[in-house]
Amino acid sequence: MNPNSPRTAICPGSYDPVTNGHLDIIGRSAKMFDRVVVGVVNKPMRKSATLFTAEERKSFIEEATADLGNVEVQIFSDLLVRFAREVDATAVIKGLRAISDFEYEFEMAQLNHKLDPGSESVYVFARSHFSFLSSTGVKEMATFNADISDLVPESVAAALVDRLGRR
């Protein structure tokens, strides 16, 4: 990396859908780095299918982060370390809510470091009021018509109600 280039980090995830917890991590990351690339995983390995397409997920995040001038959103379909190299990122930022998140992310960080010894991982702890929040939980709540208006951006809440709330 060129020492004069901006400090770039990536915030990868499936974001199916993006939650206010995700947005808090992205916003806090934008204060620490010159450039933050939110990487939307096209086809997550840990999930059989996503509720929203990669383009929809990207659009939700772009709308929600429009006021953050140093944040951009890209869809990726390759190994994380290759995507990081592609966007000239020096760090991977991951949010942690609980010990179980740490265990998984620690394993991923070790694998990424094996693939790219220059790979660095930065962990940002979820704020207490977001520590319970997950995309899966939000989708379940939306399926049963629970109020999710304070958990996700307005456009995401409307899309979830449209897609899930009428079951």
N, C-alpha and C. Protein backbone atom coordinates (compact mmCIF):
# COMPACT_ATOMS: atom_id res chain seq x y z
N MET A 1 0.82 -1.19 0.00
CA MET A 1 0.00 0.00 0.00
C MET A 1 0.86 1.24 0.00
N ASN A 2 0.46 2.23 -0.72
CA ASN A 2 1.13 3.51 -0.78
C ASN A 2 0.92 4.25 0.54
N PRO A 3 1.98 4.71 1.21
CA PRO A 3 1.81 5.39 2.50
C PRO A 3 1.02 6.69 2.40
N ASN A 4 0.92 7.24 1.21
CA ASN A 4 0.16 8.48 1.01
C ASN A 4 -1.31 8.24 0.67
N SER A 5 -1.68 6.99 0.45
CA SER A 5 -3.07 6.70 0.12
C SER A 5 -3.91 6.72 1.40
N PRO A 6 -5.21 6.93 1.25
CA PRO A 6 -6.07 7.00 2.43
C PRO A 6 -6.11 5.66 3.19
N ARG A 7 -6.27 5.75 4.50
CA ARG A 7 -6.42 4.55 5.32
C ARG A 7 -7.81 3.99 5.04
N THR A 8 -7.83 2.82 4.42
CA THR A 8 -9.09 2.21 4.02
C THR A 8 -9.36 0.95 4.82
N ALA A 9 -10.61 0.82 5.25
CA ALA A 9 -11.05 -0.39 5.96
C ALA A 9 -12.29 -0.91 5.26
N ILE A 10 -12.52 -2.21 5.40
CA ILE A 10 -13.75 -2.78 4.88
C ILE A 10 -14.59 -3.30 6.05
N CYS A 11 -15.89 -3.15 5.90
CA CYS A 11 -16.88 -3.69 6.85
C CYS A 11 -17.70 -4.71 6.07
N PRO A 12 -17.29 -5.97 6.07
CA PRO A 12 -18.00 -6.97 5.28
C PRO A 12 -19.17 -7.58 6.05
N GLY A 13 -20.16 -8.03 5.30
CA GLY A 13 -21.28 -8.74 5.92
C GLY A 13 -22.35 -9.07 4.90
N SER A 14 -23.30 -9.86 5.33
CA SER A 14 -24.42 -10.16 4.43
C SER A 14 -25.46 -9.05 4.48
N TYR A 15 -25.62 -8.41 5.64
CA TYR A 15 -26.55 -7.29 5.78
C TYR A 15 -27.94 -7.62 5.26
N ASP A 16 -28.47 -8.73 5.71
CA ASP A 16 -29.77 -9.22 5.21
C ASP A 16 -30.83 -9.22 6.30
N PRO A 17 -31.35 -8.07 6.65
CA PRO A 17 -31.07 -6.72 6.16
C PRO A 17 -30.11 -5.98 7.10
N VAL A 18 -29.70 -4.79 6.65
CA VAL A 18 -28.89 -3.92 7.48
C VAL A 18 -29.74 -3.49 8.67
N THR A 19 -29.12 -3.45 9.85
CA THR A 19 -29.81 -3.01 11.07
C THR A 19 -29.15 -1.73 11.57
N ASN A 20 -29.80 -1.10 12.54
CA ASN A 20 -29.20 0.09 13.14
C ASN A 20 -27.91 -0.26 13.88
N GLY A 21 -27.77 -1.50 14.33
CA GLY A 21 -26.51 -1.94 14.92
C GLY A 21 -25.38 -1.95 13.90
N HIS A 22 -25.67 -2.48 12.71
CA HIS A 22 -24.68 -2.44 11.63
C HIS A 22 -24.29 -0.99 11.32
N LEU A 23 -25.30 -0.14 11.22
CA LEU A 23 -25.06 1.26 10.85
C LEU A 23 -24.24 1.98 11.92
N ASP A 24 -24.42 1.61 13.18
CA ASP A 24 -23.62 2.18 14.25
C ASP A 24 -22.15 1.80 14.07
N ILE A 25 -21.89 0.54 13.76
CA ILE A 25 -20.50 0.08 13.54
C ILE A 25 -19.90 0.78 12.32
N ILE A 26 -20.67 0.90 11.25
CA ILE A 26 -20.18 1.58 10.04
C ILE A 26 -19.87 3.04 10.34
N GLY A 27 -20.78 3.72 11.03
CA GLY A 27 -20.57 5.13 11.36
C GLY A 27 -19.37 5.35 12.26
N ARG A 28 -19.19 4.51 13.25
CA ARG A 28 -18.04 4.62 14.13
C ARG A 28 -16.74 4.33 13.38
N SER A 29 -16.80 3.38 12.44
CA SER A 29 -15.63 3.05 11.62
C SER A 29 -15.25 4.22 10.73
N ALA A 30 -16.26 4.92 10.24
CA ALA A 30 -16.02 6.07 9.36
C ALA A 30 -15.27 7.19 10.09
N LYS A 31 -15.36 7.21 11.41
CA LYS A 31 -14.60 8.20 12.20
C LYS A 31 -13.15 7.78 12.39
N MET A 32 -12.88 6.48 12.27
CA MET A 32 -11.52 5.97 12.51
C MET A 32 -10.68 5.86 11.25
N PHE A 33 -11.33 5.74 10.09
CA PHE A 33 -10.61 5.52 8.83
C PHE A 33 -10.98 6.61 7.82
N ASP A 34 -10.06 6.84 6.89
CA ASP A 34 -10.31 7.84 5.85
C ASP A 34 -11.39 7.37 4.87
N ARG A 35 -11.42 6.08 4.65
CA ARG A 35 -12.35 5.49 3.68
C ARG A 35 -12.82 4.16 4.23
N VAL A 36 -14.15 3.96 4.19
CA VAL A 36 -14.73 2.71 4.64
C VAL A 36 -15.54 2.13 3.48
N VAL A 37 -15.20 0.92 3.11
CA VAL A 37 -15.94 0.22 2.07
C VAL A 37 -16.80 -0.83 2.75
N VAL A 38 -18.10 -0.67 2.63
CA VAL A 38 -19.01 -1.67 3.18
C VAL A 38 -19.13 -2.74 2.10
N GLY A 39 -18.67 -3.94 2.42
CA GLY A 39 -18.69 -5.05 1.47
C GLY A 39 -19.91 -5.92 1.70
N VAL A 40 -20.81 -5.92 0.75
CA VAL A 40 -22.02 -6.74 0.83
C VAL A 40 -21.72 -8.08 0.16
N VAL A 41 -21.75 -9.13 0.95
CA VAL A 41 -21.47 -10.46 0.42
C VAL A 41 -22.60 -10.85 -0.53
N ASN A 42 -22.25 -11.19 -1.75
CA ASN A 42 -23.26 -11.53 -2.75
C ASN A 42 -24.04 -12.78 -2.36
N LYS A 43 -23.32 -13.85 -2.07
CA LYS A 43 -23.95 -15.13 -1.69
C LYS A 43 -23.25 -15.65 -0.45
N PRO A 44 -23.80 -15.33 0.73
CA PRO A 44 -23.15 -15.76 1.97
C PRO A 44 -23.04 -17.28 2.08
N MET A 45 -21.92 -17.74 2.58
CA MET A 45 -21.68 -19.18 2.74
C MET A 45 -22.46 -19.76 3.92
N ARG A 46 -22.68 -18.94 4.95
CA ARG A 46 -23.33 -19.43 6.17
C ARG A 46 -24.85 -19.44 6.08
N LYS A 47 -25.39 -18.92 5.00
CA LYS A 47 -26.84 -18.86 4.87
C LYS A 47 -27.26 -19.51 3.56
N SER A 48 -28.38 -20.23 3.60
CA SER A 48 -28.81 -20.92 2.39
C SER A 48 -29.31 -19.94 1.33
N ALA A 49 -30.02 -18.92 1.77
CA ALA A 49 -30.53 -17.92 0.83
C ALA A 49 -30.73 -16.62 1.59
N THR A 50 -30.72 -15.52 0.88
CA THR A 50 -30.97 -14.23 1.51
C THR A 50 -32.39 -13.79 1.17
N LEU A 51 -32.96 -13.00 2.06
CA LEU A 51 -34.30 -12.45 1.83
C LEU A 51 -34.26 -11.38 0.76
N PHE A 52 -33.23 -10.56 0.80
CA PHE A 52 -33.07 -9.47 -0.16
C PHE A 52 -31.90 -9.75 -1.09
N THR A 53 -32.00 -9.30 -2.33
CA THR A 53 -30.90 -9.46 -3.27
C THR A 53 -29.72 -8.61 -2.83
N ALA A 54 -28.56 -8.90 -3.37
CA ALA A 54 -27.38 -8.11 -3.05
C ALA A 54 -27.58 -6.65 -3.44
N GLU A 55 -28.21 -6.41 -4.58
CA GLU A 55 -28.47 -5.03 -5.02
C GLU A 55 -29.41 -4.31 -4.05
N GLU A 56 -30.44 -5.01 -3.56
CA GLU A 56 -31.35 -4.40 -2.58
C GLU A 56 -30.61 -4.07 -1.30
N ARG A 57 -29.80 -5.00 -0.81
CA ARG A 57 -29.04 -4.78 0.42
C ARG A 57 -28.08 -3.61 0.25
N LYS A 58 -27.43 -3.55 -0.90
CA LYS A 58 -26.52 -2.44 -1.19
C LYS A 58 -27.27 -1.12 -1.17
N SER A 59 -28.42 -1.09 -1.80
CA SER A 59 -29.23 0.13 -1.87
C SER A 59 -29.67 0.60 -0.48
N PHE A 60 -30.10 -0.33 0.37
CA PHE A 60 -30.49 0.03 1.74
C PHE A 60 -29.33 0.72 2.48
N ILE A 61 -28.13 0.15 2.33
CA ILE A 61 -26.97 0.70 3.04
C ILE A 61 -26.58 2.04 2.46
N GLU A 62 -26.59 2.16 1.14
CA GLU A 62 -26.25 3.45 0.52
C GLU A 62 -27.19 4.55 0.99
N GLU A 63 -28.47 4.25 1.05
CA GLU A 63 -29.44 5.24 1.51
C GLU A 63 -29.18 5.63 2.97
N ALA A 64 -28.90 4.64 3.80
CA ALA A 64 -28.72 4.89 5.24
C ALA A 64 -27.39 5.57 5.57
N THR A 65 -26.40 5.47 4.68
CA THR A 65 -25.09 6.06 4.95
C THR A 65 -24.81 7.25 4.03
N ALA A 66 -25.82 7.76 3.37
CA ALA A 66 -25.64 8.84 2.40
C ALA A 66 -24.97 10.07 3.02
N ASP A 67 -25.15 10.29 4.32
CA ASP A 67 -24.57 11.45 4.99
C ASP A 67 -23.10 11.22 5.39
N LEU A 68 -22.59 10.03 5.18
CA LEU A 68 -21.20 9.73 5.52
C LEU A 68 -20.36 9.77 4.24
N GLY A 69 -19.66 10.86 4.03
CA GLY A 69 -18.94 11.09 2.78
C GLY A 69 -17.79 10.14 2.50
N ASN A 70 -17.30 9.46 3.52
CA ASN A 70 -16.16 8.56 3.30
C ASN A 70 -16.56 7.08 3.29
N VAL A 71 -17.86 6.81 3.14
CA VAL A 71 -18.36 5.44 3.10
C VAL A 71 -18.87 5.13 1.71
N GLU A 72 -18.47 3.99 1.19
CA GLU A 72 -19.00 3.51 -0.09
C GLU A 72 -19.42 2.06 0.09
N VAL A 73 -20.30 1.60 -0.76
CA VAL A 73 -20.84 0.25 -0.64
C VAL A 73 -20.56 -0.51 -1.93
N GLN A 74 -20.01 -1.72 -1.79
CA GLN A 74 -19.73 -2.56 -2.95
C GLN A 74 -20.18 -3.99 -2.65
N ILE A 75 -20.62 -4.66 -3.68
CA ILE A 75 -20.97 -6.08 -3.59
C ILE A 75 -19.72 -6.87 -3.96
N PHE A 76 -19.47 -7.95 -3.20
CA PHE A 76 -18.33 -8.79 -3.57
C PHE A 76 -18.69 -10.26 -3.50
N SER A 77 -17.97 -11.05 -4.30
CA SER A 77 -18.25 -12.49 -4.41
C SER A 77 -17.00 -13.34 -4.31
N ASP A 78 -15.96 -12.79 -3.72
CA ASP A 78 -14.67 -13.48 -3.66
C ASP A 78 -14.26 -13.65 -2.20
N LEU A 79 -13.11 -14.23 -1.98
CA LEU A 79 -12.56 -14.30 -0.63
C LEU A 79 -12.39 -12.88 -0.09
N LEU A 80 -12.62 -12.73 1.19
CA LEU A 80 -12.53 -11.42 1.82
C LEU A 80 -11.16 -10.78 1.62
N VAL A 81 -10.09 -11.55 1.76
CA VAL A 81 -8.75 -10.97 1.62
C VAL A 81 -8.51 -10.48 0.19
N ARG A 82 -9.08 -11.14 -0.79
CA ARG A 82 -8.94 -10.67 -2.18
C ARG A 82 -9.72 -9.37 -2.39
N PHE A 83 -10.92 -9.32 -1.81
CA PHE A 83 -11.72 -8.10 -1.90
C PHE A 83 -10.98 -6.95 -1.20
N ALA A 84 -10.39 -7.23 -0.06
CA ALA A 84 -9.64 -6.20 0.67
C ALA A 84 -8.50 -5.66 -0.19
N ARG A 85 -7.76 -6.55 -0.84
CA ARG A 85 -6.67 -6.12 -1.73
C ARG A 85 -7.21 -5.27 -2.87
N GLU A 86 -8.35 -5.70 -3.42
CA GLU A 86 -8.96 -5.01 -4.56
C GLU A 86 -9.30 -3.55 -4.23
N VAL A 87 -9.74 -3.31 -3.00
CA VAL A 87 -10.13 -1.94 -2.62
C VAL A 87 -9.03 -1.24 -1.82
N ASP A 88 -7.86 -1.86 -1.74
CA ASP A 88 -6.69 -1.30 -1.06
C ASP A 88 -6.94 -1.09 0.43
N ALA A 89 -7.68 -2.01 1.04
CA ALA A 89 -7.97 -1.92 2.47
C ALA A 89 -6.84 -2.51 3.30
N THR A 90 -6.55 -1.87 4.42
CA THR A 90 -5.53 -2.37 5.32
C THR A 90 -6.14 -3.02 6.56
N ALA A 91 -7.46 -2.89 6.71
CA ALA A 91 -8.11 -3.46 7.90
C ALA A 91 -9.50 -3.98 7.54
N VAL A 92 -9.88 -5.02 8.26
CA VAL A 92 -11.24 -5.58 8.19
C VAL A 92 -11.90 -5.24 9.52
N ILE A 93 -13.03 -4.56 9.47
CA ILE A 93 -13.74 -4.18 10.69
C ILE A 93 -14.93 -5.10 10.87
N LYS A 94 -15.04 -5.62 12.07
CA LYS A 94 -16.17 -6.49 12.41
C LYS A 94 -16.75 -6.03 13.74
N GLY A 95 -18.07 -6.04 13.82
CA GLY A 95 -18.75 -5.72 15.06
C GLY A 95 -18.90 -6.98 15.90
N LEU A 96 -18.77 -6.83 17.21
CA LEU A 96 -18.93 -7.96 18.12
C LEU A 96 -20.04 -7.64 19.11
N ARG A 97 -20.98 -8.59 19.25
CA ARG A 97 -22.07 -8.43 20.21
C ARG A 97 -21.87 -9.30 21.44
N ALA A 98 -21.31 -10.48 21.26
CA ALA A 98 -21.22 -11.45 22.35
C ALA A 98 -20.00 -12.33 22.15
N ILE A 99 -19.73 -13.16 23.16
CA ILE A 99 -18.60 -14.09 23.09
C ILE A 99 -18.70 -14.99 21.87
N SER A 100 -19.90 -15.42 21.53
CA SER A 100 -20.06 -16.31 20.37
C SER A 100 -19.62 -15.61 19.08
N ASP A 101 -19.86 -14.30 18.96
CA ASP A 101 -19.36 -13.56 17.80
C ASP A 101 -17.84 -13.59 17.77
N PHE A 102 -17.22 -13.40 18.93
CA PHE A 102 -15.77 -13.38 19.01
C PHE A 102 -15.17 -14.70 18.55
N GLU A 103 -15.73 -15.80 19.00
CA GLU A 103 -15.19 -17.11 18.64
C GLU A 103 -15.17 -17.30 17.12
N TYR A 104 -16.27 -16.97 16.48
CA TYR A 104 -16.34 -17.11 15.02
C TYR A 104 -15.38 -16.13 14.34
N GLU A 105 -15.41 -14.87 14.76
CA GLU A 105 -14.56 -13.86 14.12
C GLU A 105 -13.08 -14.11 14.35
N PHE A 106 -12.73 -14.65 15.49
CA PHE A 106 -11.33 -14.99 15.76
C PHE A 106 -10.85 -16.05 14.76
N GLU A 107 -11.68 -17.06 14.54
CA GLU A 107 -11.34 -18.10 13.56
C GLU A 107 -11.18 -17.51 12.17
N MET A 108 -12.11 -16.65 11.78
CA MET A 108 -12.05 -16.03 10.45
C MET A 108 -10.80 -15.16 10.32
N ALA A 109 -10.46 -14.42 11.37
CA ALA A 109 -9.27 -13.57 11.33
C ALA A 109 -8.01 -14.41 11.13
N GLN A 110 -7.94 -15.57 11.79
CA GLN A 110 -6.79 -16.44 11.65
C GLN A 110 -6.69 -17.00 10.22
N LEU A 111 -7.83 -17.40 9.67
CA LEU A 111 -7.84 -17.89 8.28
C LEU A 111 -7.44 -16.78 7.31
N ASN A 112 -7.98 -15.57 7.52
CA ASN A 112 -7.62 -14.45 6.65
C ASN A 112 -6.14 -14.14 6.74
N HIS A 113 -5.60 -14.19 7.96
CA HIS A 113 -4.17 -13.93 8.14
C HIS A 113 -3.31 -15.00 7.46
N LYS A 114 -3.78 -16.24 7.46
CA LYS A 114 -3.05 -17.31 6.75
C LYS A 114 -3.03 -17.02 5.25
N LEU A 115 -4.17 -16.57 4.71
CA LEU A 115 -4.25 -16.27 3.28
C LEU A 115 -3.49 -14.99 2.91
N ASP A 116 -3.47 -14.05 3.84
CA ASP A 116 -2.79 -12.78 3.61
C ASP A 116 -2.18 -12.31 4.93
N PRO A 117 -0.88 -12.58 5.14
CA PRO A 117 -0.24 -12.22 6.41
C PRO A 117 -0.33 -10.73 6.75
N GLY A 118 -0.61 -9.89 5.77
CA GLY A 118 -0.76 -8.46 6.02
C GLY A 118 -2.17 -8.08 6.45
N SER A 119 -3.06 -9.04 6.50
CA SER A 119 -4.45 -8.78 6.86
C SER A 119 -4.56 -8.43 8.35
N GLU A 120 -5.25 -7.34 8.65
CA GLU A 120 -5.49 -6.94 10.04
C GLU A 120 -6.99 -6.92 10.28
N SER A 121 -7.37 -7.33 11.48
CA SER A 121 -8.78 -7.29 11.87
C SER A 121 -8.94 -6.32 13.02
N VAL A 122 -10.00 -5.52 12.93
CA VAL A 122 -10.32 -4.55 13.96
C VAL A 122 -11.72 -4.88 14.45
N TYR A 123 -11.88 -5.01 15.76
CA TYR A 123 -13.17 -5.36 16.33
C TYR A 123 -13.77 -4.16 17.05
N VAL A 124 -15.02 -3.90 16.74
CA VAL A 124 -15.74 -2.79 17.36
C VAL A 124 -16.90 -3.41 18.13
N PHE A 125 -16.92 -3.13 19.43
CA PHE A 125 -17.97 -3.72 20.27
C PHE A 125 -19.28 -2.99 20.05
N ALA A 126 -20.34 -3.77 19.96
CA ALA A 126 -21.69 -3.21 19.81
C ALA A 126 -22.02 -2.38 21.04
N ARG A 127 -22.70 -1.28 20.83
CA ARG A 127 -23.22 -0.50 21.94
C ARG A 127 -24.26 -1.36 22.66
N SER A 128 -24.43 -1.14 23.93
CA SER A 128 -25.30 -2.01 24.73
C SER A 128 -26.72 -2.10 24.17
N HIS A 129 -27.24 -1.00 23.65
CA HIS A 129 -28.61 -1.03 23.14
C HIS A 129 -28.72 -1.73 21.78
N PHE A 130 -27.60 -2.14 21.21
CA PHE A 130 -27.62 -2.93 19.97
C PHE A 130 -27.08 -4.34 20.18
N SER A 131 -26.69 -4.69 21.38
CA SER A 131 -26.01 -5.96 21.63
C SER A 131 -26.90 -7.18 21.38
N PHE A 132 -28.19 -6.99 21.38
CA PHE A 132 -29.14 -8.09 21.15
C PHE A 132 -29.58 -8.17 19.70
N LEU A 133 -29.23 -7.19 18.92
CA LEU A 133 -29.80 -7.00 17.59
C LEU A 133 -29.12 -7.85 16.52
N SER A 134 -29.93 -8.59 15.77
CA SER A 134 -29.42 -9.37 14.64
C SER A 134 -30.41 -9.28 13.49
N SER A 135 -29.90 -9.45 12.29
CA SER A 135 -30.78 -9.47 11.11
C SER A 135 -31.80 -10.59 11.21
N THR A 136 -31.37 -11.73 11.70
CA THR A 136 -32.27 -12.88 11.84
C THR A 136 -33.41 -12.56 12.79
N GLY A 137 -33.08 -11.96 13.93
CA GLY A 137 -34.11 -11.59 14.89
C GLY A 137 -35.09 -10.57 14.33
N VAL A 138 -34.57 -9.60 13.59
CA VAL A 138 -35.43 -8.58 12.99
C VAL A 138 -36.37 -9.22 11.97
N LYS A 139 -35.86 -10.15 11.17
CA LYS A 139 -36.73 -10.83 10.19
C LYS A 139 -37.82 -11.63 10.89
N GLU A 140 -37.47 -12.29 11.98
CA GLU A 140 -38.47 -13.06 12.72
C GLU A 140 -39.54 -12.14 13.29
N MET A 141 -39.12 -11.03 13.85
CA MET A 141 -40.07 -10.07 14.40
C MET A 141 -41.00 -9.53 13.31
N ALA A 142 -40.42 -9.21 12.15
CA ALA A 142 -41.23 -8.69 11.04
C ALA A 142 -42.22 -9.73 10.54
N THR A 143 -41.83 -10.98 10.56
CA THR A 143 -42.72 -12.05 10.12
C THR A 143 -44.01 -12.08 10.95
N PHE A 144 -43.88 -11.74 12.23
CA PHE A 144 -45.03 -11.77 13.13
C PHE A 144 -45.55 -10.38 13.46
N ASN A 145 -45.28 -9.43 12.57
CA ASN A 145 -45.81 -8.07 12.64
C ASN A 145 -45.44 -7.31 13.90
N ALA A 146 -44.28 -7.56 14.47
CA ALA A 146 -43.81 -6.80 15.62
C ALA A 146 -43.24 -5.46 15.13
N ASP A 147 -43.21 -4.50 16.02
CA ASP A 147 -42.68 -3.17 15.70
C ASP A 147 -41.16 -3.24 15.61
N ILE A 148 -40.62 -2.99 14.43
CA ILE A 148 -39.16 -3.01 14.22
C ILE A 148 -38.64 -1.63 13.84
N SER A 149 -39.48 -0.62 13.98
CA SER A 149 -39.15 0.72 13.50
C SER A 149 -37.90 1.32 14.16
N ASP A 150 -37.55 0.90 15.38
CA ASP A 150 -36.36 1.43 16.02
C ASP A 150 -35.14 0.52 15.85
N LEU A 151 -35.27 -0.53 15.06
CA LEU A 151 -34.19 -1.49 14.88
C LEU A 151 -33.51 -1.41 13.51
N VAL A 152 -34.22 -0.87 12.53
CA VAL A 152 -33.72 -0.80 11.16
C VAL A 152 -34.12 0.54 10.55
N PRO A 153 -33.45 0.96 9.48
CA PRO A 153 -33.87 2.18 8.79
C PRO A 153 -35.32 2.04 8.28
N GLU A 154 -35.97 3.17 8.11
CA GLU A 154 -37.38 3.18 7.69
C GLU A 154 -37.63 2.41 6.40
N SER A 155 -36.75 2.56 5.43
CA SER A 155 -36.94 1.87 4.14
C SER A 155 -36.82 0.35 4.31
N VAL A 156 -35.96 -0.08 5.22
CA VAL A 156 -35.80 -1.51 5.49
C VAL A 156 -37.04 -2.04 6.19
N ALA A 157 -37.54 -1.29 7.17
CA ALA A 157 -38.75 -1.71 7.88
C ALA A 157 -39.91 -1.88 6.91
N ALA A 158 -40.08 -0.93 6.00
CA ALA A 158 -41.16 -1.02 5.02
C ALA A 158 -40.98 -2.22 4.10
N ALA A 159 -39.74 -2.47 3.68
CA ALA A 159 -39.48 -3.63 2.81
C ALA A 159 -39.73 -4.94 3.53
N LEU A 160 -39.38 -5.00 4.80
CA LEU A 160 -39.61 -6.22 5.59
C LEU A 160 -41.11 -6.46 5.79
N VAL A 161 -41.85 -5.42 6.09
CA VAL A 161 -43.30 -5.56 6.24
C VAL A 161 -43.90 -6.04 4.91
N ASP A 162 -43.42 -5.45 3.83
CA ASP A 162 -43.93 -5.83 2.51
C ASP A 162 -43.63 -7.30 2.18
N ARG A 163 -42.41 -7.73 2.52
CA ARG A 163 -41.98 -9.07 2.15
C ARG A 163 -42.40 -10.14 3.15
N LEU A 164 -42.44 -9.78 4.44
CA LEU A 164 -42.68 -10.79 5.48
C LEU A 164 -43.92 -10.58 6.32
N GLY A 165 -44.34 -9.35 6.48
CA GLY A 165 -45.34 -9.02 7.46
C GLY A 165 -46.76 -9.42 7.14
N ARG A 166 -46.98 -9.95 5.98
CA ARG A 166 -48.34 -10.31 5.60
C ARG A 166 -48.56 -11.81 5.58
N ARG A 167 -47.67 -12.56 6.22
CA ARG A 167 -47.77 -14.02 6.22
C ARG A 167 -48.81 -14.50 7.17
